[in-house]
Amino acid sequence: MYYAELKYKVSGRRFGRQHINIYNGYTFITSYIRDYNNFIPFYSFEVNGQWYALYSEQYYTLKLVKLPSMELVYESEGFFSFDIVVPRYEKQKLDSEFEYIAWECGKDYKTFEANIQNKDNVKYANFAFITGCVWGDDSDTKIRMLDLSDITNGFKVHESLGYVVVPEEYNNILELIEIDTDLFDDGYELISFKINSIKYFGLSGNKVDVLDR
């Protein structure tokens, strides 16, 4: 898994700068300059054998790149990102007949790793969550959901989810989100979410339906 790490900060400009290194394990991949002196929004994930990263180099942009080449796939502007996550999941068995989806989320998100049954079955969701704000609207922290289902062409914002306010202080986005998946005999899956304990919505295919505001 790729990760970003602060090397040093540079002052003297309006918002300061950060020199950030990207690694794969202990192997240095590349570095970039972020034009803001706080937050390191970076998250890597794998889809069909190809690694990608969502990250913010300029404070008002969000980029999707391939790893390790850093080839740009897509870029959007207007949202000031604080943190990014693409939840992992595993289809697990309780017995020979009953299957369920275990998600890396909720207050116990840290236990996901320890409870993995088969690492080869762990996958990343086709959606991401980012916290931050629309630039200029920094009165509180909000969360948005991204659609990654067409990853080779970029991402889209799930506008129907809206712009959900979250607590100012949290350790990881994953602790703010609860995810459940209902599996049906015909292969249909319905994913339901709960954000910050108050907002429910369902995801079927690529459509988000708000179930309860």
N, C-alpha and C. Protein backbone atom coordinates (compact mmCIF):
# COMPACT_ATOMS: atom_id res chain seq x y z
N MET A 1 0.84 -1.19 0.00
CA MET A 1 0.00 0.00 0.00
C MET A 1 0.88 1.24 0.00
N TYR A 2 0.53 2.20 -0.81
CA TYR A 2 1.27 3.44 -0.90
C TYR A 2 0.78 4.41 0.18
N TYR A 3 1.69 5.25 0.65
CA TYR A 3 1.29 6.24 1.64
C TYR A 3 2.13 7.51 1.47
N ALA A 4 1.62 8.61 2.00
CA ALA A 4 2.30 9.90 1.91
C ALA A 4 2.79 10.30 3.30
N GLU A 5 3.96 10.93 3.32
CA GLU A 5 4.57 11.31 4.59
C GLU A 5 5.22 12.69 4.46
N LEU A 6 4.99 13.53 5.46
CA LEU A 6 5.58 14.87 5.45
C LEU A 6 7.09 14.79 5.61
N LYS A 7 7.81 15.50 4.72
CA LYS A 7 9.27 15.61 4.84
C LYS A 7 9.63 16.89 5.57
N TYR A 8 9.10 18.03 5.14
CA TYR A 8 9.30 19.27 5.85
C TYR A 8 8.29 20.30 5.38
N LYS A 9 8.12 21.36 6.18
CA LYS A 9 7.22 22.45 5.85
C LYS A 9 8.03 23.68 5.46
N VAL A 10 7.44 24.50 4.58
CA VAL A 10 8.07 25.73 4.13
C VAL A 10 7.14 26.89 4.46
N SER A 11 7.63 27.87 5.17
CA SER A 11 6.82 29.04 5.51
C SER A 11 7.17 30.20 4.58
N GLY A 12 6.51 31.32 4.78
CA GLY A 12 6.85 32.50 4.00
C GLY A 12 5.88 32.82 2.89
N ARG A 13 4.99 31.90 2.55
CA ARG A 13 3.95 32.17 1.58
C ARG A 13 2.61 32.32 2.30
N ARG A 14 1.58 32.67 1.55
CA ARG A 14 0.29 32.97 2.18
C ARG A 14 -0.21 31.82 3.04
N PHE A 15 -0.22 30.59 2.50
CA PHE A 15 -0.71 29.44 3.24
C PHE A 15 0.41 28.47 3.59
N GLY A 16 1.66 28.82 3.28
CA GLY A 16 2.76 27.91 3.54
C GLY A 16 2.77 26.77 2.53
N ARG A 17 3.74 25.90 2.67
CA ARG A 17 3.85 24.73 1.79
C ARG A 17 4.36 23.53 2.57
N GLN A 18 4.07 22.35 2.02
CA GLN A 18 4.58 21.11 2.59
C GLN A 18 5.29 20.30 1.50
N HIS A 19 6.46 19.80 1.84
CA HIS A 19 7.16 18.87 0.95
C HIS A 19 6.79 17.45 1.40
N ILE A 20 6.11 16.71 0.54
CA ILE A 20 5.55 15.40 0.91
C ILE A 20 6.16 14.29 0.04
N ASN A 21 6.59 13.23 0.69
CA ASN A 21 7.12 12.06 -0.01
C ASN A 21 6.07 10.96 -0.09
N ILE A 22 6.09 10.20 -1.18
CA ILE A 22 5.23 9.04 -1.35
C ILE A 22 6.09 7.78 -1.33
N TYR A 23 5.65 6.80 -0.56
CA TYR A 23 6.37 5.54 -0.42
C TYR A 23 5.46 4.36 -0.73
N ASN A 24 6.07 3.27 -1.13
CA ASN A 24 5.41 1.97 -1.21
C ASN A 24 6.18 1.06 -0.26
N GLY A 25 5.62 0.85 0.92
CA GLY A 25 6.41 0.19 1.96
C GLY A 25 7.55 1.11 2.37
N TYR A 26 8.80 0.60 2.25
CA TYR A 26 9.97 1.42 2.56
C TYR A 26 10.59 2.02 1.31
N THR A 27 9.98 1.79 0.16
CA THR A 27 10.55 2.25 -1.11
C THR A 27 10.02 3.65 -1.46
N PHE A 28 10.94 4.59 -1.64
CA PHE A 28 10.56 5.94 -2.03
C PHE A 28 10.10 5.93 -3.49
N ILE A 29 8.94 6.57 -3.77
CA ILE A 29 8.40 6.61 -5.13
C ILE A 29 8.61 7.98 -5.77
N THR A 30 8.13 9.02 -5.11
CA THR A 30 8.27 10.37 -5.65
C THR A 30 7.92 11.36 -4.54
N SER A 31 7.94 12.63 -4.86
CA SER A 31 7.55 13.66 -3.90
C SER A 31 6.76 14.74 -4.61
N TYR A 32 6.06 15.55 -3.83
CA TYR A 32 5.32 16.68 -4.40
C TYR A 32 5.23 17.79 -3.36
N ILE A 33 4.94 19.00 -3.82
CA ILE A 33 4.77 20.15 -2.95
C ILE A 33 3.29 20.46 -2.84
N ARG A 34 2.78 20.47 -1.62
CA ARG A 34 1.38 20.85 -1.37
C ARG A 34 1.36 22.30 -0.94
N ASP A 35 0.51 23.10 -1.58
CA ASP A 35 0.52 24.54 -1.32
C ASP A 35 -0.39 24.94 -0.16
N TYR A 36 -0.30 24.17 0.92
CA TYR A 36 -1.03 24.49 2.15
C TYR A 36 -0.26 23.83 3.29
N ASN A 37 -0.17 24.51 4.43
CA ASN A 37 0.70 24.03 5.49
C ASN A 37 0.04 23.09 6.49
N ASN A 38 -1.13 22.57 6.12
CA ASN A 38 -1.83 21.65 7.02
C ASN A 38 -2.51 20.56 6.20
N PHE A 39 -2.77 19.44 6.83
CA PHE A 39 -3.44 18.28 6.24
C PHE A 39 -2.56 17.65 5.14
N ILE A 40 -2.67 16.33 5.02
CA ILE A 40 -2.03 15.61 3.91
C ILE A 40 -3.09 14.67 3.33
N PRO A 41 -4.00 15.20 2.50
CA PRO A 41 -5.06 14.35 1.93
C PRO A 41 -4.47 13.43 0.85
N PHE A 42 -4.32 12.15 1.19
CA PHE A 42 -3.75 11.16 0.26
C PHE A 42 -4.28 9.80 0.67
N TYR A 43 -4.78 9.04 -0.33
CA TYR A 43 -5.22 7.67 -0.04
C TYR A 43 -5.02 6.82 -1.28
N SER A 44 -4.36 5.68 -1.09
CA SER A 44 -4.12 4.77 -2.21
C SER A 44 -5.04 3.56 -2.11
N PHE A 45 -5.41 3.01 -3.26
CA PHE A 45 -6.30 1.85 -3.29
C PHE A 45 -6.08 1.10 -4.60
N GLU A 46 -6.50 -0.16 -4.61
CA GLU A 46 -6.25 -1.04 -5.75
C GLU A 46 -7.55 -1.45 -6.42
N VAL A 47 -7.56 -1.41 -7.74
CA VAL A 47 -8.72 -1.87 -8.53
C VAL A 47 -8.20 -2.75 -9.66
N ASN A 48 -8.58 -4.01 -9.65
CA ASN A 48 -8.19 -4.95 -10.71
C ASN A 48 -6.70 -4.96 -10.97
N GLY A 49 -5.92 -4.96 -9.90
CA GLY A 49 -4.47 -5.06 -10.03
C GLY A 49 -3.75 -3.75 -10.25
N GLN A 50 -4.49 -2.66 -10.48
CA GLN A 50 -3.88 -1.35 -10.69
C GLN A 50 -4.06 -0.49 -9.43
N TRP A 51 -2.97 0.08 -8.96
CA TRP A 51 -3.04 0.96 -7.81
C TRP A 51 -3.31 2.39 -8.26
N TYR A 52 -4.14 3.08 -7.48
CA TYR A 52 -4.48 4.48 -7.72
C TYR A 52 -4.29 5.26 -6.42
N ALA A 53 -4.32 6.58 -6.54
CA ALA A 53 -4.33 7.44 -5.36
C ALA A 53 -5.23 8.63 -5.61
N LEU A 54 -5.98 9.00 -4.61
CA LEU A 54 -6.69 10.27 -4.55
C LEU A 54 -5.88 11.17 -3.65
N TYR A 55 -5.53 12.36 -4.12
CA TYR A 55 -4.76 13.25 -3.27
C TYR A 55 -4.96 14.70 -3.69
N SER A 56 -4.59 15.61 -2.79
CA SER A 56 -4.74 17.03 -3.04
C SER A 56 -3.37 17.70 -2.99
N GLU A 57 -2.93 18.17 -4.14
CA GLU A 57 -1.65 18.87 -4.24
C GLU A 57 -1.85 20.37 -4.06
N GLN A 58 -2.78 20.92 -4.85
CA GLN A 58 -3.25 22.29 -4.61
C GLN A 58 -4.46 22.19 -3.69
N TYR A 59 -4.57 23.10 -2.74
CA TYR A 59 -5.58 22.96 -1.69
C TYR A 59 -7.01 22.93 -2.21
N TYR A 60 -7.25 23.48 -3.40
CA TYR A 60 -8.61 23.53 -3.94
C TYR A 60 -8.85 22.47 -5.02
N THR A 61 -7.92 21.54 -5.21
CA THR A 61 -8.09 20.51 -6.24
C THR A 61 -8.02 19.12 -5.62
N LEU A 62 -8.58 18.15 -6.32
CA LEU A 62 -8.48 16.74 -5.96
C LEU A 62 -8.09 15.97 -7.21
N LYS A 63 -7.01 15.21 -7.12
CA LYS A 63 -6.50 14.47 -8.27
C LYS A 63 -6.65 12.97 -8.07
N LEU A 64 -6.89 12.29 -9.18
CA LEU A 64 -6.85 10.83 -9.23
C LEU A 64 -5.70 10.45 -10.14
N VAL A 65 -4.75 9.67 -9.63
CA VAL A 65 -3.57 9.28 -10.42
C VAL A 65 -3.35 7.78 -10.32
N LYS A 66 -2.64 7.24 -11.31
CA LYS A 66 -2.20 5.85 -11.26
C LYS A 66 -0.88 5.79 -10.50
N LEU A 67 -0.67 4.69 -9.80
CA LEU A 67 0.58 4.46 -9.10
C LEU A 67 1.28 3.23 -9.66
N PRO A 68 2.61 3.25 -9.73
CA PRO A 68 3.51 4.28 -9.17
C PRO A 68 3.87 5.41 -10.13
N SER A 69 3.29 5.43 -11.32
CA SER A 69 3.71 6.40 -12.34
C SER A 69 3.27 7.82 -12.05
N MET A 70 2.24 7.99 -11.20
CA MET A 70 1.61 9.29 -10.93
C MET A 70 0.95 9.87 -12.18
N GLU A 71 0.59 9.01 -13.13
CA GLU A 71 -0.12 9.45 -14.34
C GLU A 71 -1.49 9.98 -13.96
N LEU A 72 -1.79 11.21 -14.39
CA LEU A 72 -3.07 11.83 -14.04
C LEU A 72 -4.22 11.19 -14.80
N VAL A 73 -5.25 10.78 -14.06
CA VAL A 73 -6.46 10.22 -14.66
C VAL A 73 -7.56 11.28 -14.70
N TYR A 74 -7.68 12.03 -13.60
CA TYR A 74 -8.78 12.99 -13.50
C TYR A 74 -8.45 14.02 -12.42
N GLU A 75 -9.00 15.22 -12.57
CA GLU A 75 -8.79 16.28 -11.59
C GLU A 75 -10.04 17.12 -11.47
N SER A 76 -10.42 17.48 -10.26
CA SER A 76 -11.56 18.37 -10.04
C SER A 76 -11.13 19.52 -9.15
N GLU A 77 -11.90 20.62 -9.18
CA GLU A 77 -11.57 21.81 -8.41
C GLU A 77 -12.76 22.23 -7.56
N GLY A 78 -12.46 23.02 -6.52
CA GLY A 78 -13.51 23.67 -5.76
C GLY A 78 -13.75 23.13 -4.36
N PHE A 79 -13.16 21.96 -4.04
CA PHE A 79 -13.38 21.39 -2.71
C PHE A 79 -12.04 21.31 -1.99
N PHE A 80 -11.98 21.87 -0.81
CA PHE A 80 -10.77 21.89 0.00
C PHE A 80 -10.77 20.63 0.86
N SER A 81 -9.94 19.64 0.50
CA SER A 81 -9.96 18.33 1.15
C SER A 81 -9.08 18.31 2.40
N PHE A 82 -9.62 17.72 3.47
CA PHE A 82 -8.86 17.51 4.69
C PHE A 82 -8.35 16.07 4.75
N ASP A 83 -9.22 15.13 4.43
CA ASP A 83 -8.90 13.71 4.59
C ASP A 83 -9.67 12.90 3.55
N ILE A 84 -9.15 11.74 3.18
CA ILE A 84 -9.73 10.90 2.13
C ILE A 84 -9.66 9.45 2.57
N VAL A 85 -10.68 8.65 2.23
CA VAL A 85 -10.62 7.23 2.49
C VAL A 85 -11.46 6.46 1.47
N VAL A 86 -10.98 5.29 1.08
CA VAL A 86 -11.73 4.33 0.27
C VAL A 86 -11.88 3.07 1.14
N PRO A 87 -13.06 2.80 1.68
CA PRO A 87 -13.21 1.68 2.61
C PRO A 87 -12.90 0.33 1.96
N ARG A 88 -12.34 -0.55 2.77
CA ARG A 88 -12.10 -1.93 2.33
C ARG A 88 -13.22 -2.83 2.86
N TYR A 89 -13.39 -3.96 2.20
CA TYR A 89 -14.39 -4.92 2.65
C TYR A 89 -13.97 -6.34 2.28
N GLU A 90 -14.59 -7.30 2.95
CA GLU A 90 -14.35 -8.71 2.65
C GLU A 90 -15.65 -9.48 2.79
N LYS A 91 -15.95 -10.32 1.81
CA LYS A 91 -17.09 -11.22 1.92
C LYS A 91 -16.65 -12.39 2.79
N GLN A 92 -17.29 -12.52 3.97
CA GLN A 92 -16.88 -13.53 4.94
C GLN A 92 -17.98 -14.57 5.16
N LYS A 93 -17.59 -15.69 5.72
CA LYS A 93 -18.54 -16.76 6.02
C LYS A 93 -18.61 -16.99 7.51
N LEU A 94 -19.86 -17.06 8.01
CA LEU A 94 -20.07 -17.45 9.40
C LEU A 94 -20.13 -18.96 9.52
N ASP A 95 -20.68 -19.60 8.49
CA ASP A 95 -20.74 -21.06 8.43
C ASP A 95 -20.75 -21.44 6.96
N SER A 96 -21.09 -22.68 6.64
CA SER A 96 -21.04 -23.16 5.26
C SER A 96 -22.10 -22.53 4.37
N GLU A 97 -23.12 -21.90 4.94
CA GLU A 97 -24.22 -21.35 4.16
C GLU A 97 -24.32 -19.83 4.21
N PHE A 98 -24.04 -19.25 5.38
CA PHE A 98 -24.30 -17.82 5.57
C PHE A 98 -23.09 -16.97 5.24
N GLU A 99 -23.26 -16.00 4.32
CA GLU A 99 -22.21 -15.06 3.97
C GLU A 99 -22.64 -13.64 4.31
N TYR A 100 -21.69 -12.81 4.62
CA TYR A 100 -21.99 -11.39 4.87
C TYR A 100 -20.76 -10.58 4.47
N ILE A 101 -20.95 -9.26 4.36
CA ILE A 101 -19.86 -8.37 4.00
C ILE A 101 -19.36 -7.67 5.27
N ALA A 102 -18.09 -7.84 5.56
CA ALA A 102 -17.46 -7.12 6.68
C ALA A 102 -16.79 -5.88 6.12
N TRP A 103 -17.12 -4.72 6.68
CA TRP A 103 -16.60 -3.44 6.21
C TRP A 103 -15.60 -2.86 7.20
N GLU A 104 -14.63 -2.17 6.67
CA GLU A 104 -13.67 -1.43 7.48
C GLU A 104 -14.26 -0.05 7.79
N CYS A 105 -14.99 0.04 8.88
CA CYS A 105 -15.67 1.30 9.19
C CYS A 105 -16.19 1.26 10.61
N GLY A 106 -16.79 2.38 11.04
CA GLY A 106 -17.37 2.46 12.36
C GLY A 106 -16.33 2.65 13.45
N LYS A 107 -16.78 2.70 14.67
CA LYS A 107 -15.88 2.94 15.80
C LYS A 107 -14.86 1.83 15.96
N ASP A 108 -15.16 0.63 15.45
CA ASP A 108 -14.25 -0.51 15.57
C ASP A 108 -13.51 -0.78 14.26
N TYR A 109 -13.32 0.27 13.46
CA TYR A 109 -12.68 0.06 12.15
C TYR A 109 -11.29 -0.54 12.26
N LYS A 110 -10.62 -0.31 13.38
CA LYS A 110 -9.25 -0.82 13.54
C LYS A 110 -9.20 -2.34 13.68
N THR A 111 -10.34 -2.96 14.01
CA THR A 111 -10.35 -4.42 14.18
C THR A 111 -10.52 -5.16 12.85
N PHE A 112 -10.81 -4.43 11.77
CA PHE A 112 -11.02 -5.07 10.48
C PHE A 112 -9.82 -5.92 10.08
N GLU A 113 -8.63 -5.37 10.21
CA GLU A 113 -7.41 -6.06 9.80
C GLU A 113 -7.25 -7.39 10.54
N ALA A 114 -7.50 -7.37 11.83
CA ALA A 114 -7.31 -8.58 12.64
C ALA A 114 -8.33 -9.66 12.34
N ASN A 115 -9.49 -9.27 11.79
CA ASN A 115 -10.57 -10.23 11.54
C ASN A 115 -10.67 -10.69 10.08
N ILE A 116 -9.70 -10.31 9.26
CA ILE A 116 -9.70 -10.76 7.86
C ILE A 116 -9.56 -12.27 7.80
N GLN A 117 -10.43 -12.92 7.02
CA GLN A 117 -10.37 -14.38 6.88
C GLN A 117 -9.41 -14.81 5.77
N ASN A 118 -9.36 -14.04 4.69
CA ASN A 118 -8.48 -14.35 3.57
C ASN A 118 -8.07 -13.03 2.91
N LYS A 119 -6.82 -12.65 3.01
CA LYS A 119 -6.37 -11.36 2.49
C LYS A 119 -6.60 -11.23 0.98
N ASP A 120 -6.63 -12.36 0.28
CA ASP A 120 -6.86 -12.32 -1.17
C ASP A 120 -8.29 -11.89 -1.51
N ASN A 121 -9.19 -11.98 -0.54
CA ASN A 121 -10.59 -11.61 -0.79
C ASN A 121 -10.92 -10.18 -0.40
N VAL A 122 -9.97 -9.47 0.16
CA VAL A 122 -10.20 -8.09 0.59
C VAL A 122 -10.16 -7.17 -0.64
N LYS A 123 -11.17 -6.33 -0.77
CA LYS A 123 -11.26 -5.41 -1.90
C LYS A 123 -11.56 -4.00 -1.40
N TYR A 124 -11.33 -3.05 -2.29
CA TYR A 124 -11.67 -1.66 -2.01
C TYR A 124 -13.03 -1.34 -2.62
N ALA A 125 -13.80 -0.51 -1.93
CA ALA A 125 -15.12 -0.11 -2.42
C ALA A 125 -14.99 0.71 -3.70
N ASN A 126 -16.10 0.79 -4.45
CA ASN A 126 -16.11 1.64 -5.65
C ASN A 126 -16.66 3.04 -5.32
N PHE A 127 -16.42 3.44 -4.08
CA PHE A 127 -16.77 4.79 -3.65
C PHE A 127 -15.74 5.25 -2.61
N ALA A 128 -15.64 6.55 -2.47
CA ALA A 128 -14.71 7.13 -1.50
C ALA A 128 -15.43 8.20 -0.70
N PHE A 129 -14.89 8.53 0.46
CA PHE A 129 -15.39 9.63 1.27
C PHE A 129 -14.27 10.63 1.49
N ILE A 130 -14.60 11.91 1.40
CA ILE A 130 -13.62 12.95 1.69
C ILE A 130 -14.25 13.96 2.65
N THR A 131 -13.45 14.42 3.60
CA THR A 131 -13.90 15.50 4.48
C THR A 131 -13.21 16.79 4.05
N GLY A 132 -13.86 17.91 4.34
CA GLY A 132 -13.32 19.21 3.98
C GLY A 132 -14.44 20.22 3.87
N CYS A 133 -14.28 21.13 2.91
CA CYS A 133 -15.30 22.15 2.70
C CYS A 133 -15.14 22.75 1.31
N VAL A 134 -16.21 23.33 0.80
CA VAL A 134 -16.10 24.13 -0.40
C VAL A 134 -15.27 25.34 -0.04
N TRP A 135 -14.29 25.67 -0.87
CA TRP A 135 -13.37 26.75 -0.54
C TRP A 135 -14.14 28.04 -0.25
N GLY A 136 -13.87 28.63 0.90
CA GLY A 136 -14.56 29.84 1.32
C GLY A 136 -15.67 29.56 2.31
N ASP A 137 -16.12 28.30 2.39
CA ASP A 137 -17.17 27.91 3.34
C ASP A 137 -16.53 27.04 4.42
N ASP A 138 -15.73 27.65 5.28
CA ASP A 138 -14.98 26.90 6.27
C ASP A 138 -15.58 27.02 7.68
N SER A 139 -16.89 27.23 7.75
CA SER A 139 -17.54 27.37 9.05
C SER A 139 -17.60 26.04 9.79
N ASP A 140 -17.62 24.93 9.06
CA ASP A 140 -17.61 23.61 9.68
C ASP A 140 -17.06 22.60 8.68
N THR A 141 -16.80 21.39 9.18
CA THR A 141 -16.25 20.31 8.35
C THR A 141 -17.39 19.48 7.80
N LYS A 142 -17.30 19.13 6.53
CA LYS A 142 -18.35 18.35 5.88
C LYS A 142 -17.75 17.15 5.18
N ILE A 143 -18.62 16.21 4.81
CA ILE A 143 -18.16 14.99 4.14
C ILE A 143 -18.90 14.85 2.82
N ARG A 144 -18.17 14.37 1.80
CA ARG A 144 -18.77 14.11 0.50
C ARG A 144 -18.42 12.69 0.08
N MET A 145 -19.21 12.17 -0.83
CA MET A 145 -19.00 10.81 -1.33
C MET A 145 -18.68 10.87 -2.82
N LEU A 146 -17.67 10.11 -3.23
CA LEU A 146 -17.26 10.06 -4.62
C LEU A 146 -17.61 8.70 -5.22
N ASP A 147 -18.03 8.70 -6.47
CA ASP A 147 -18.32 7.50 -7.23
C ASP A 147 -17.06 7.11 -8.00
N LEU A 148 -16.50 5.92 -7.70
CA LEU A 148 -15.29 5.43 -8.35
C LEU A 148 -15.57 4.27 -9.29
N SER A 149 -16.83 4.07 -9.65
CA SER A 149 -17.21 2.87 -10.41
C SER A 149 -16.65 2.88 -11.83
N ASP A 150 -16.33 4.07 -12.36
CA ASP A 150 -15.73 4.18 -13.69
C ASP A 150 -14.32 4.74 -13.54
N ILE A 151 -13.52 4.04 -12.76
CA ILE A 151 -12.24 4.54 -12.29
C ILE A 151 -11.28 4.91 -13.42
N THR A 152 -11.33 4.22 -14.54
CA THR A 152 -10.38 4.52 -15.62
C THR A 152 -10.65 5.87 -16.26
N ASN A 153 -11.86 6.40 -16.02
CA ASN A 153 -12.21 7.71 -16.57
C ASN A 153 -12.33 8.78 -15.49
N GLY A 154 -12.08 8.42 -14.25
CA GLY A 154 -12.10 9.41 -13.18
C GLY A 154 -13.14 9.11 -12.12
N PHE A 155 -13.64 10.13 -11.50
CA PHE A 155 -14.63 9.99 -10.43
C PHE A 155 -15.70 11.07 -10.58
N LYS A 156 -16.82 10.84 -9.90
CA LYS A 156 -17.91 11.82 -9.85
C LYS A 156 -18.34 12.00 -8.40
N VAL A 157 -18.89 13.16 -8.09
CA VAL A 157 -19.44 13.41 -6.76
C VAL A 157 -20.86 12.89 -6.71
N HIS A 158 -21.19 12.12 -5.66
CA HIS A 158 -22.57 11.67 -5.46
C HIS A 158 -23.37 12.86 -4.90
N GLU A 159 -23.89 13.67 -5.79
CA GLU A 159 -24.56 14.90 -5.38
C GLU A 159 -25.80 14.64 -4.53
N SER A 160 -26.47 13.51 -4.76
CA SER A 160 -27.71 13.25 -4.01
C SER A 160 -27.44 12.98 -2.53
N LEU A 161 -26.21 12.63 -2.19
CA LEU A 161 -25.88 12.48 -0.78
C LEU A 161 -25.91 13.83 -0.08
N GLY A 162 -25.48 14.84 -0.81
CA GLY A 162 -25.45 16.17 -0.22
C GLY A 162 -24.10 16.48 0.40
N TYR A 163 -24.16 17.31 1.41
CA TYR A 163 -22.98 17.93 1.98
C TYR A 163 -23.15 17.83 3.49
N VAL A 164 -22.73 16.69 4.07
CA VAL A 164 -23.08 16.33 5.44
C VAL A 164 -22.07 16.87 6.44
N VAL A 165 -22.55 17.61 7.44
CA VAL A 165 -21.67 18.16 8.47
C VAL A 165 -21.21 17.03 9.40
N VAL A 166 -19.92 17.05 9.75
CA VAL A 166 -19.34 16.06 10.66
C VAL A 166 -18.62 16.79 11.79
N PRO A 167 -18.27 16.08 12.87
CA PRO A 167 -17.58 16.74 13.98
C PRO A 167 -16.26 17.36 13.55
N GLU A 168 -15.88 18.43 14.23
CA GLU A 168 -14.62 19.09 13.91
C GLU A 168 -13.43 18.19 14.21
N GLU A 169 -13.54 17.39 15.25
CA GLU A 169 -12.43 16.54 15.65
C GLU A 169 -12.80 15.07 15.49
N TYR A 170 -11.96 14.34 14.80
CA TYR A 170 -12.12 12.90 14.63
C TYR A 170 -10.75 12.33 14.30
N ASN A 171 -10.57 11.03 14.52
CA ASN A 171 -9.27 10.40 14.26
C ASN A 171 -9.15 9.90 12.83
N ASN A 172 -10.25 9.41 12.28
CA ASN A 172 -10.25 8.83 10.94
C ASN A 172 -11.67 8.91 10.38
N ILE A 173 -11.79 9.19 9.08
CA ILE A 173 -13.12 9.25 8.48
C ILE A 173 -13.89 7.96 8.73
N LEU A 174 -13.19 6.84 8.73
CA LEU A 174 -13.84 5.54 8.86
C LEU A 174 -14.69 5.44 10.13
N GLU A 175 -14.29 6.14 11.19
CA GLU A 175 -15.04 6.04 12.43
C GLU A 175 -16.36 6.81 12.36
N LEU A 176 -16.52 7.67 11.37
CA LEU A 176 -17.74 8.46 11.21
C LEU A 176 -18.81 7.72 10.40
N ILE A 177 -18.42 6.62 9.76
CA ILE A 177 -19.29 5.96 8.78
C ILE A 177 -19.61 4.54 9.22
N GLU A 178 -20.85 4.16 9.07
CA GLU A 178 -21.27 2.77 9.27
C GLU A 178 -21.86 2.26 7.96
N ILE A 179 -21.44 1.07 7.55
CA ILE A 179 -21.88 0.51 6.28
C ILE A 179 -22.41 -0.90 6.51
N ASP A 180 -23.56 -1.19 5.91
CA ASP A 180 -24.14 -2.53 5.95
C ASP A 180 -24.51 -2.95 4.53
N THR A 181 -24.36 -4.21 4.24
CA THR A 181 -24.69 -4.74 2.92
C THR A 181 -25.67 -5.89 3.05
N ASP A 182 -26.79 -5.79 2.35
CA ASP A 182 -27.74 -6.90 2.29
C ASP A 182 -27.49 -7.68 1.01
N LEU A 183 -27.25 -8.98 1.15
CA LEU A 183 -27.01 -9.85 0.00
C LEU A 183 -28.26 -10.65 -0.29
N PHE A 184 -28.70 -10.63 -1.55
CA PHE A 184 -29.90 -11.35 -1.95
C PHE A 184 -29.54 -12.54 -2.82
N ASP A 185 -30.43 -13.53 -2.88
CA ASP A 185 -30.15 -14.77 -3.61
C ASP A 185 -29.89 -14.54 -5.09
N ASP A 186 -30.48 -13.47 -5.66
CA ASP A 186 -30.30 -13.22 -7.08
C ASP A 186 -29.03 -12.41 -7.39
N GLY A 187 -28.19 -12.23 -6.35
CA GLY A 187 -26.95 -11.50 -6.55
C GLY A 187 -27.06 -10.01 -6.31
N TYR A 188 -28.27 -9.52 -6.05
CA TYR A 188 -28.50 -8.09 -5.83
C TYR A 188 -27.91 -7.68 -4.48
N GLU A 189 -27.26 -6.55 -4.44
CA GLU A 189 -26.70 -6.03 -3.21
C GLU A 189 -27.24 -4.63 -2.94
N LEU A 190 -27.63 -4.37 -1.72
CA LEU A 190 -28.06 -3.04 -1.31
C LEU A 190 -27.14 -2.60 -0.17
N ILE A 191 -26.45 -1.50 -0.38
CA ILE A 191 -25.53 -0.99 0.62
C ILE A 191 -26.18 0.20 1.32
N SER A 192 -26.24 0.15 2.63
CA SER A 192 -26.81 1.26 3.39
C SER A 192 -25.73 1.90 4.25
N PHE A 193 -25.84 3.20 4.44
CA PHE A 193 -24.83 3.96 5.14
C PHE A 193 -25.45 4.76 6.28
N LYS A 194 -24.64 5.04 7.25
CA LYS A 194 -25.01 5.92 8.34
C LYS A 194 -23.80 6.80 8.62
N ILE A 195 -23.97 8.11 8.46
CA ILE A 195 -22.86 9.03 8.64
C ILE A 195 -23.08 9.88 9.89
N ASN A 196 -22.09 9.85 10.78
CA ASN A 196 -22.15 10.66 11.98
C ASN A 196 -23.42 10.36 12.80
N SER A 197 -23.89 9.12 12.71
CA SER A 197 -25.02 8.62 13.49
C SER A 197 -26.38 9.22 13.14
N ILE A 198 -26.48 10.02 12.07
CA ILE A 198 -27.75 10.69 11.83
C ILE A 198 -28.28 10.55 10.41
N LYS A 199 -27.48 10.21 9.44
CA LYS A 199 -27.98 10.25 8.07
C LYS A 199 -27.86 8.89 7.41
N TYR A 200 -28.99 8.37 6.92
CA TYR A 200 -29.01 7.09 6.24
C TYR A 200 -29.23 7.30 4.75
N PHE A 201 -28.61 6.45 3.96
CA PHE A 201 -28.92 6.43 2.54
C PHE A 201 -28.50 5.09 1.99
N GLY A 202 -29.03 4.74 0.82
CA GLY A 202 -28.76 3.45 0.23
C GLY A 202 -28.09 3.60 -1.11
N LEU A 203 -27.22 2.65 -1.46
CA LEU A 203 -26.52 2.66 -2.73
C LEU A 203 -26.82 1.37 -3.46
N SER A 204 -27.47 1.50 -4.62
CA SER A 204 -27.76 0.35 -5.48
C SER A 204 -27.22 0.69 -6.85
N GLY A 205 -26.25 -0.09 -7.32
CA GLY A 205 -25.57 0.28 -8.55
C GLY A 205 -24.76 1.52 -8.29
N ASN A 206 -25.00 2.57 -9.07
CA ASN A 206 -24.27 3.83 -8.88
C ASN A 206 -25.16 4.95 -8.38
N LYS A 207 -26.38 4.63 -7.97
CA LYS A 207 -27.32 5.65 -7.54
C LYS A 207 -27.42 5.69 -6.02
N VAL A 208 -27.35 6.87 -5.47
CA VAL A 208 -27.52 7.05 -4.03
C VAL A 208 -28.93 7.56 -3.77
N ASP A 209 -29.67 6.87 -2.91
CA ASP A 209 -31.01 7.31 -2.51
C ASP A 209 -30.97 7.67 -1.04
N VAL A 210 -31.28 8.90 -0.72
CA VAL A 210 -31.31 9.30 0.68
C VAL A 210 -32.57 8.72 1.31
N LEU A 211 -32.40 7.92 2.36
CA LEU A 211 -33.52 7.24 2.99
C LEU A 211 -34.07 8.03 4.17
N ASP A 212 -33.21 8.77 4.85
CA ASP A 212 -33.66 9.51 6.02
C ASP A 212 -32.70 10.65 6.29
N ARG A 213 -33.18 11.87 6.23
CA ARG A 213 -32.35 13.01 6.55
C ARG A 213 -32.45 13.34 8.03
